[in-house]
PDB file of N, CA and C in Angstrom:
ATOM      1  N   UNK A   1      57.960 -28.053  54.384  1.00  0.00           N
ATOM      2  CA  UNK A   1      57.504 -26.834  55.006  1.00  0.00           C
ATOM      3  C   UNK A   1      56.067 -27.036  55.473  1.00  0.00           C
ATOM      4  N   UNK A   2      55.728 -26.552  56.667  1.00  0.00           N
ATOM      5  CA  UNK A   2      54.353 -26.698  57.154  1.00  0.00           C
ATOM      6  C   UNK A   2      53.383 -25.873  56.320  1.00  0.00           C
ATOM      7  N   UNK A   3      52.140 -26.301  56.281  1.00  0.00           N
ATOM      8  CA  UNK A   3      51.097 -25.580  55.552  1.00  0.00           C
ATOM      9  C   UNK A   3      50.827 -24.255  56.262  1.00  0.00           C
ATOM     10  N   UNK A   4      50.954 -23.104  55.576  1.00  0.00           N
ATOM     11  CA  UNK A   4      50.693 -21.822  56.241  1.00  0.00           C
ATOM     12  C   UNK A   4      49.206 -21.580  56.416  1.00  0.00           C
ATOM     13  N   UNK A   5      48.864 -20.768  57.418  1.00  0.00           N
ATOM     14  CA  UNK A   5      47.497 -20.263  57.539  1.00  0.00           C
ATOM     15  C   UNK A   5      47.414 -19.076  56.591  1.00  0.00           C
ATOM     16  N   UNK A   6      46.401 -19.020  55.784  1.00  0.00           N
ATOM     17  CA  UNK A   6      46.288 -17.988  54.756  1.00  0.00           C
ATOM     18  C   UNK A   6      45.187 -17.013  55.130  1.00  0.00           C
ATOM     19  N   UNK A   7      45.512 -15.737  55.011  1.00  0.00           N
ATOM     20  CA  UNK A   7      44.528 -14.665  55.185  1.00  0.00           C
ATOM     21  C   UNK A   7      44.448 -13.917  53.869  1.00  0.00           C
ATOM     22  N   UNK A   8      43.333 -13.322  53.626  1.00  0.00           N
ATOM     23  CA  UNK A   8      43.170 -12.545  52.400  1.00  0.00           C
ATOM     24  C   UNK A   8      42.670 -11.159  52.759  1.00  0.00           C
ATOM     25  N   UNK A   9      42.782 -10.233  51.829  1.00  0.00           N
ATOM     26  CA  UNK A   9      42.275  -8.888  52.079  1.00  0.00           C
ATOM     27  C   UNK A   9      40.747  -8.909  52.126  1.00  0.00           C
ATOM     28  N   UNK A  10      40.118  -9.555  51.175  1.00  0.00           N
ATOM     29  CA  UNK A  10      38.654  -9.632  51.153  1.00  0.00           C
ATOM     30  C   UNK A  10      38.236 -10.828  50.297  1.00  0.00           C
ATOM     31  N   UNK A  11      36.978 -11.182  50.356  1.00  0.00           N
ATOM     32  CA  UNK A  11      36.487 -12.387  49.688  1.00  0.00           C
ATOM     33  C   UNK A  11      36.741 -12.372  48.181  1.00  0.00           C
ATOM     34  N   UNK A  12      36.780 -11.204  47.568  1.00  0.00           N
ATOM     35  CA  UNK A  12      37.019 -11.101  46.133  1.00  0.00           C
ATOM     36  C   UNK A  12      38.382 -11.605  45.695  1.00  0.00           C
ATOM     37  N   UNK A  13      39.284 -11.782  46.644  1.00  0.00           N
ATOM     38  CA  UNK A  13      40.612 -12.299  46.296  1.00  0.00           C
ATOM     39  C   UNK A  13      40.509 -13.657  45.618  1.00  0.00           C
ATOM     40  N   UNK A  14      39.488 -14.421  45.937  1.00  0.00           N
ATOM     41  CA  UNK A  14      39.324 -15.726  45.300  1.00  0.00           C
ATOM     42  C   UNK A  14      38.797 -15.614  43.874  1.00  0.00           C
ATOM     43  N   UNK A  15      38.424 -14.429  43.459  1.00  0.00           N
ATOM     44  CA  UNK A  15      38.005 -14.211  42.076  1.00  0.00           C
ATOM     45  C   UNK A  15      39.100 -13.534  41.264  1.00  0.00           C
ATOM     46  N   UNK A  16      40.066 -12.889  41.942  1.00  0.00           N
ATOM     47  CA  UNK A  16      41.048 -12.052  41.267  1.00  0.00           C
ATOM     48  C   UNK A  16      42.487 -12.549  41.359  1.00  0.00           C
ATOM     49  N   UNK A  17      42.814 -13.322  42.367  1.00  0.00           N
ATOM     50  CA  UNK A  17      44.208 -13.658  42.644  1.00  0.00           C
ATOM     51  C   UNK A  17      44.624 -14.957  41.956  1.00  0.00           C
ATOM     52  N   UNK A  18      45.317 -14.819  40.840  1.00  0.00           N
ATOM     53  CA  UNK A  18      45.770 -15.993  40.098  1.00  0.00           C
ATOM     54  C   UNK A  18      46.665 -16.901  40.903  1.00  0.00           C
ATOM     55  N   UNK A  19      47.447 -16.320  41.818  1.00  0.00           N
ATOM     56  CA  UNK A  19      48.340 -17.166  42.614  1.00  0.00           C
ATOM     57  C   UNK A  19      47.588 -17.993  43.644  1.00  0.00           C
ATOM     58  N   UNK A  20      46.287 -17.736  43.847  1.00  0.00           N
ATOM     59  CA  UNK A  20      45.431 -18.630  44.624  1.00  0.00           C
ATOM     60  C   UNK A  20      44.603 -19.516  43.690  1.00  0.00           C
ATOM     61  N   UNK A  21      44.088 -18.933  42.616  1.00  0.00           N
ATOM     62  CA  UNK A  21      43.200 -19.660  41.714  1.00  0.00           C
ATOM     63  C   UNK A  21      43.892 -20.802  40.974  1.00  0.00           C
ATOM     64  N   UNK A  22      45.132 -20.608  40.559  1.00  0.00           N
ATOM     65  CA  UNK A  22      45.827 -21.643  39.792  1.00  0.00           C
ATOM     66  C   UNK A  22      46.070 -22.919  40.601  1.00  0.00           C
ATOM     67  N   UNK A  23      46.583 -22.840  41.833  1.00  0.00           N
ATOM     68  CA  UNK A  23      46.747 -24.087  42.587  1.00  0.00           C
ATOM     69  C   UNK A  23      45.417 -24.734  42.971  1.00  0.00           C
ATOM     70  N   UNK A  24      44.363 -23.928  43.148  1.00  0.00           N
ATOM     71  CA  UNK A  24      43.043 -24.497  43.422  1.00  0.00           C
ATOM     72  C   UNK A  24      42.575 -25.283  42.198  1.00  0.00           C
ATOM     73  N   UNK A  25      42.692 -24.677  41.013  1.00  0.00           N
ATOM     74  CA  UNK A  25      42.265 -25.340  39.776  1.00  0.00           C
ATOM     75  C   UNK A  25      43.055 -26.622  39.518  1.00  0.00           C
ATOM     76  N   UNK A  26      44.320 -26.634  39.930  1.00  0.00           N
ATOM     77  CA  UNK A  26      45.163 -27.807  39.731  1.00  0.00           C
ATOM     78  C   UNK A  26      44.970 -28.869  40.814  1.00  0.00           C
ATOM     79  N   UNK A  27      44.122 -28.578  41.802  1.00  0.00           N
ATOM     80  CA  UNK A  27      43.880 -29.528  42.877  1.00  0.00           C
ATOM     81  C   UNK A  27      45.010 -29.626  43.886  1.00  0.00           C
ATOM     82  N   UNK A  28      45.883 -28.614  43.922  1.00  0.00           N
ATOM     83  CA  UNK A  28      47.037 -28.638  44.828  1.00  0.00           C
ATOM     84  C   UNK A  28      46.800 -27.865  46.122  1.00  0.00           C
ATOM     85  N   UNK A  29      45.701 -27.125  46.170  1.00  0.00           N
ATOM     86  CA  UNK A  29      45.414 -26.300  47.342  1.00  0.00           C
ATOM     87  C   UNK A  29      43.914 -26.107  47.421  1.00  0.00           C
ATOM     88  N   UNK A  30      43.387 -25.804  48.603  1.00  0.00           N
ATOM     89  CA  UNK A  30      41.945 -25.670  48.763  1.00  0.00           C
ATOM     90  C   UNK A  30      41.612 -24.359  49.474  1.00  0.00           C
ATOM     91  N   UNK A  31      40.613 -23.667  48.978  1.00  0.00           N
ATOM     92  CA  UNK A  31      40.220 -22.375  49.553  1.00  0.00           C
ATOM     93  C   UNK A  31      39.738 -22.503  50.992  1.00  0.00           C
ATOM     94  N   UNK A  32      39.368 -23.693  51.421  1.00  0.00           N
ATOM     95  CA  UNK A  32      38.920 -23.870  52.814  1.00  0.00           C
ATOM     96  C   UNK A  32      40.054 -23.624  53.807  1.00  0.00           C
ATOM     97  N   UNK A  33      41.295 -23.564  53.323  1.00  0.00           N
ATOM     98  CA  UNK A  33      42.437 -23.295  54.194  1.00  0.00           C
ATOM     99  C   UNK A  33      42.569 -21.816  54.548  1.00  0.00           C
ATOM    100  N   UNK A  34      41.786 -20.954  53.900  1.00  0.00           N
ATOM    101  CA  UNK A  34      41.792 -19.531  54.242  1.00  0.00           C
ATOM    102  C   UNK A  34      41.125 -19.375  55.597  1.00  0.00           C
ATOM    103  N   UNK A  35      41.830 -18.751  56.529  1.00  0.00           N
ATOM    104  CA  UNK A  35      41.312 -18.682  57.904  1.00  0.00           C
ATOM    105  C   UNK A  35      40.790 -17.300  58.280  1.00  0.00           C
ATOM    106  N   UNK A  36      40.616 -16.421  57.324  1.00  0.00           N
ATOM    107  CA  UNK A  36      40.057 -15.120  57.643  1.00  0.00           C
ATOM    108  C   UNK A  36      40.585 -14.042  56.722  1.00  0.00           C
ATOM    109  N   UNK A  37      40.186 -12.819  57.007  1.00  0.00           N
ATOM    110  CA  UNK A  37      40.664 -11.693  56.214  1.00  0.00           C
ATOM    111  C   UNK A  37      41.225 -10.594  57.129  1.00  0.00           C
ATOM    112  N   UNK A  38      41.780  -9.577  56.522  1.00  0.00           N
ATOM    113  CA  UNK A  38      42.442  -8.518  57.279  1.00  0.00           C
ATOM    114  C   UNK A  38      41.477  -7.818  58.233  1.00  0.00           C
ATOM    115  N   UNK A  39      40.263  -7.578  57.798  1.00  0.00           N
ATOM    116  CA  UNK A  39      39.261  -6.931  58.659  1.00  0.00           C
ATOM    117  C   UNK A  39      39.007  -7.766  59.913  1.00  0.00           C
ATOM    118  N   UNK A  40      38.820  -9.069  59.733  1.00  0.00           N
ATOM    119  CA  UNK A  40      38.558  -9.940  60.882  1.00  0.00           C
ATOM    120  C   UNK A  40      39.743  -9.989  61.840  1.00  0.00           C
ATOM    121  N   UNK A  41      40.943 -10.014  61.304  1.00  0.00           N
ATOM    122  CA  UNK A  41      42.145 -10.067  62.140  1.00  0.00           C
ATOM    123  C   UNK A  41      42.321  -8.783  62.940  1.00  0.00           C
ATOM    124  N   UNK A  42      42.214  -7.638  62.285  1.00  0.00           N
ATOM    125  CA  UNK A  42      42.473  -6.368  62.971  1.00  0.00           C
ATOM    126  C   UNK A  42      41.361  -5.983  63.938  1.00  0.00           C
ATOM    127  N   UNK A  43      40.170  -6.552  63.772  1.00  0.00           N
ATOM    128  CA  UNK A  43      39.066  -6.262  64.688  1.00  0.00           C
ATOM    129  C   UNK A  43      38.900  -7.330  65.763  1.00  0.00           C
ATOM    130  N   UNK A  44      39.829  -8.275  65.827  1.00  0.00           N
ATOM    131  CA  UNK A  44      39.790  -9.302  66.857  1.00  0.00           C
ATOM    132  C   UNK A  44      38.732 -10.368  66.641  1.00  0.00           C
ATOM    133  N   UNK A  45      38.145 -10.420  65.449  1.00  0.00           N
ATOM    134  CA  UNK A  45      37.126 -11.426  65.154  1.00  0.00           C
ATOM    135  C   UNK A  45      37.744 -12.786  64.853  1.00  0.00           C
ATOM    136  N   UNK A  46      38.990 -12.806  64.390  1.00  0.00           N
ATOM    137  CA  UNK A  46      39.745 -14.027  64.122  1.00  0.00           C
ATOM    138  C   UNK A  46      41.104 -13.896  64.782  1.00  0.00           C
ATOM    139  N   UNK A  47      41.677 -15.015  65.171  1.00  0.00           N
ATOM    140  CA  UNK A  47      42.981 -14.984  65.833  1.00  0.00           C
ATOM    141  C   UNK A  47      44.109 -14.893  64.814  1.00  0.00           C
ATOM    142  N   UNK A  48      45.246 -14.422  65.292  1.00  0.00           N
ATOM    143  CA  UNK A  48      46.460 -14.416  64.484  1.00  0.00           C
ATOM    144  C   UNK A  48      47.145 -15.766  64.605  1.00  0.00           C
ATOM    145  N   UNK A  49      48.474 -15.753  64.651  1.00  0.00           N
ATOM    146  CA  UNK A  49      49.207 -17.005  64.777  1.00  0.00           C
ATOM    147  C   UNK A  49      48.858 -17.693  66.090  1.00  0.00           C
ATOM    148  N   UNK A  50      48.790 -19.005  66.029  1.00  0.00           N
ATOM    149  CA  UNK A  50      48.471 -19.779  67.216  1.00  0.00           C
ATOM    150  C   UNK A  50      49.725 -20.222  67.958  1.00  0.00           C
ATOM    151  N   UNK A  51      50.894 -20.103  67.308  1.00  0.00           N
ATOM    152  CA  UNK A  51      52.173 -20.421  67.946  1.00  0.00           C
ATOM    153  C   UNK A  51      53.280 -19.658  67.229  1.00  0.00           C
ATOM    154  N   UNK A  52      54.449 -19.573  67.860  1.00  0.00           N
ATOM    155  CA  UNK A  52      55.592 -18.883  67.259  1.00  0.00           C
ATOM    156  C   UNK A  52      56.094 -19.610  66.011  1.00  0.00           C
ATOM    157  N   UNK A  53      55.821 -20.898  65.905  1.00  0.00           N
ATOM    158  CA  UNK A  53      56.293 -21.682  64.770  1.00  0.00           C
ATOM    159  C   UNK A  53      55.356 -21.589  63.566  1.00  0.00           C
ATOM    160  N   UNK A  54      54.170 -21.093  63.772  1.00  0.00           N
ATOM    161  CA  UNK A  54      53.190 -21.051  62.697  1.00  0.00           C
ATOM    162  C   UNK A  54      53.537 -19.995  61.652  1.00  0.00           C
ATOM    163  N   UNK A  55      53.273 -20.317  60.413  1.00  0.00           N
ATOM    164  CA  UNK A  55      53.501 -19.402  59.291  1.00  0.00           C
ATOM    165  C   UNK A  55      52.148 -18.842  58.865  1.00  0.00           C
ATOM    166  N   UNK A  56      52.070 -17.519  58.686  1.00  0.00           N
ATOM    167  CA  UNK A  56      50.860 -16.889  58.175  1.00  0.00           C
ATOM    168  C   UNK A  56      51.194 -16.227  56.851  1.00  0.00           C
ATOM    169  N   UNK A  57      50.387 -16.484  55.851  1.00  0.00           N
ATOM    170  CA  UNK A  57      50.538 -15.866  54.539  1.00  0.00           C
ATOM    171  C   UNK A  57      49.374 -14.901  54.359  1.00  0.00           C
ATOM    172  N   UNK A  58      49.684 -13.635  54.050  1.00  0.00           N
ATOM    173  CA  UNK A  58      48.645 -12.648  53.785  1.00  0.00           C
ATOM    174  C   UNK A  58      48.596 -12.402  52.296  1.00  0.00           C
ATOM    175  N   UNK A  59      47.440 -12.598  51.687  1.00  0.00           N
ATOM    176  CA  UNK A  59      47.275 -12.390  50.254  1.00  0.00           C
ATOM    177  C   UNK A  59      46.511 -11.106  50.016  1.00  0.00           C
ATOM    178  N   UNK A  60      47.210 -10.124  49.455  1.00  0.00           N
ATOM    179  CA  UNK A  60      46.588  -8.861  49.082  1.00  0.00           C
ATOM    180  C   UNK A  60      46.351  -8.871  47.578  1.00  0.00           C
ATOM    181  N   UNK A  61      45.425  -8.073  47.132  1.00  0.00           N
ATOM    182  CA  UNK A  61      45.158  -8.003  45.694  1.00  0.00           C
ATOM    183  C   UNK A  61      45.501  -6.627  45.121  1.00  0.00           C
ATOM    184  N   UNK A  62      46.474  -5.963  45.716  1.00  0.00           N
ATOM    185  CA  UNK A  62      47.009  -4.770  45.097  1.00  0.00           C
ATOM    186  C   UNK A  62      46.727  -3.435  45.753  1.00  0.00           C
ATOM    187  N   UNK A  63      45.987  -3.365  46.832  1.00  0.00           N
ATOM    188  CA  UNK A  63      45.724  -2.088  47.484  1.00  0.00           C
ATOM    189  C   UNK A  63      46.805  -1.849  48.544  1.00  0.00           C
ATOM    190  N   UNK A  64      47.651  -0.879  48.332  1.00  0.00           N
ATOM    191  CA  UNK A  64      48.814  -0.652  49.196  1.00  0.00           C
ATOM    192  C   UNK A  64      48.436  -0.332  50.640  1.00  0.00           C
ATOM    193  N   UNK A  65      47.303   0.295  50.877  1.00  0.00           N
ATOM    194  CA  UNK A  65      46.928   0.657  52.247  1.00  0.00           C
ATOM    195  C   UNK A  65      46.766  -0.587  53.118  1.00  0.00           C
ATOM    196  N   UNK A  66      46.273  -1.675  52.547  1.00  0.00           N
ATOM    197  CA  UNK A  66      46.134  -2.911  53.312  1.00  0.00           C
ATOM    198  C   UNK A  66      47.505  -3.511  53.618  1.00  0.00           C
ATOM    199  N   UNK A  67      48.427  -3.435  52.671  1.00  0.00           N
ATOM    200  CA  UNK A  67      49.786  -3.909  52.911  1.00  0.00           C
ATOM    201  C   UNK A  67      50.430  -3.129  54.051  1.00  0.00           C
ATOM    202  N   UNK A  68      50.229  -1.814  54.076  1.00  0.00           N
ATOM    203  CA  UNK A  68      50.779  -0.980  55.145  1.00  0.00           C
ATOM    204  C   UNK A  68      50.160  -1.323  56.500  1.00  0.00           C
ATOM    205  N   UNK A  69      48.861  -1.569  56.515  1.00  0.00           N
ATOM    206  CA  UNK A  69      48.199  -1.940  57.775  1.00  0.00           C
ATOM    207  C   UNK A  69      48.736  -3.259  58.295  1.00  0.00           C
ATOM    208  N   UNK A  70      48.921  -4.230  57.416  1.00  0.00           N
ATOM    209  CA  UNK A  70      49.460  -5.533  57.829  1.00  0.00           C
ATOM    210  C   UNK A  70      50.899  -5.381  58.317  1.00  0.00           C
ATOM    211  N   UNK A  71      51.702  -4.605  57.622  1.00  0.00           N
ATOM    212  CA  UNK A  71      53.093  -4.399  58.035  1.00  0.00           C
ATOM    213  C   UNK A  71      53.158  -3.715  59.396  1.00  0.00           C
ATOM    214  N   UNK A  72      52.269  -2.766  59.640  1.00  0.00           N
ATOM    215  CA  UNK A  72      52.236  -2.073  60.918  1.00  0.00           C
ATOM    216  C   UNK A  72      51.922  -3.042  62.064  1.00  0.00           C
ATOM    217  N   UNK A  73      51.056  -4.005  61.830  1.00  0.00           N
ATOM    218  CA  UNK A  73      50.725  -4.993  62.843  1.00  0.00           C
ATOM    219  C   UNK A  73      51.929  -5.894  63.163  1.00  0.00           C
ATOM    220  N   UNK A  74      52.777  -6.118  62.182  1.00  0.00           N
ATOM    221  CA  UNK A  74      53.918  -6.999  62.365  1.00  0.00           C
ATOM    222  C   UNK A  74      55.135  -6.273  62.945  1.00  0.00           C
ATOM    223  N   UNK A  75      55.135  -4.950  62.873  1.00  0.00           N
ATOM    224  CA  UNK A  75      56.282  -4.165  63.316  1.00  0.00           C
ATOM    225  C   UNK A  75      56.430  -4.164  64.818  1.00  0.00           C
TER     226      UNK A  75
END
């Protein structure tokens, strides 16, 4: 599977999200692969997918309003 582009809700996700922290600690993944956050994407500061084949992973840390905003963009 190709490496997905990862977005996060906010910078604190790297302090709170075990599903990001554990692979980083194990040396299996690197935080430099995060390509932006929801604010940057929705305000046009960062691009979305660069091709139809690209996979984007959005990492939220539990605030449902951000999940709804992301889902609305994909609808």
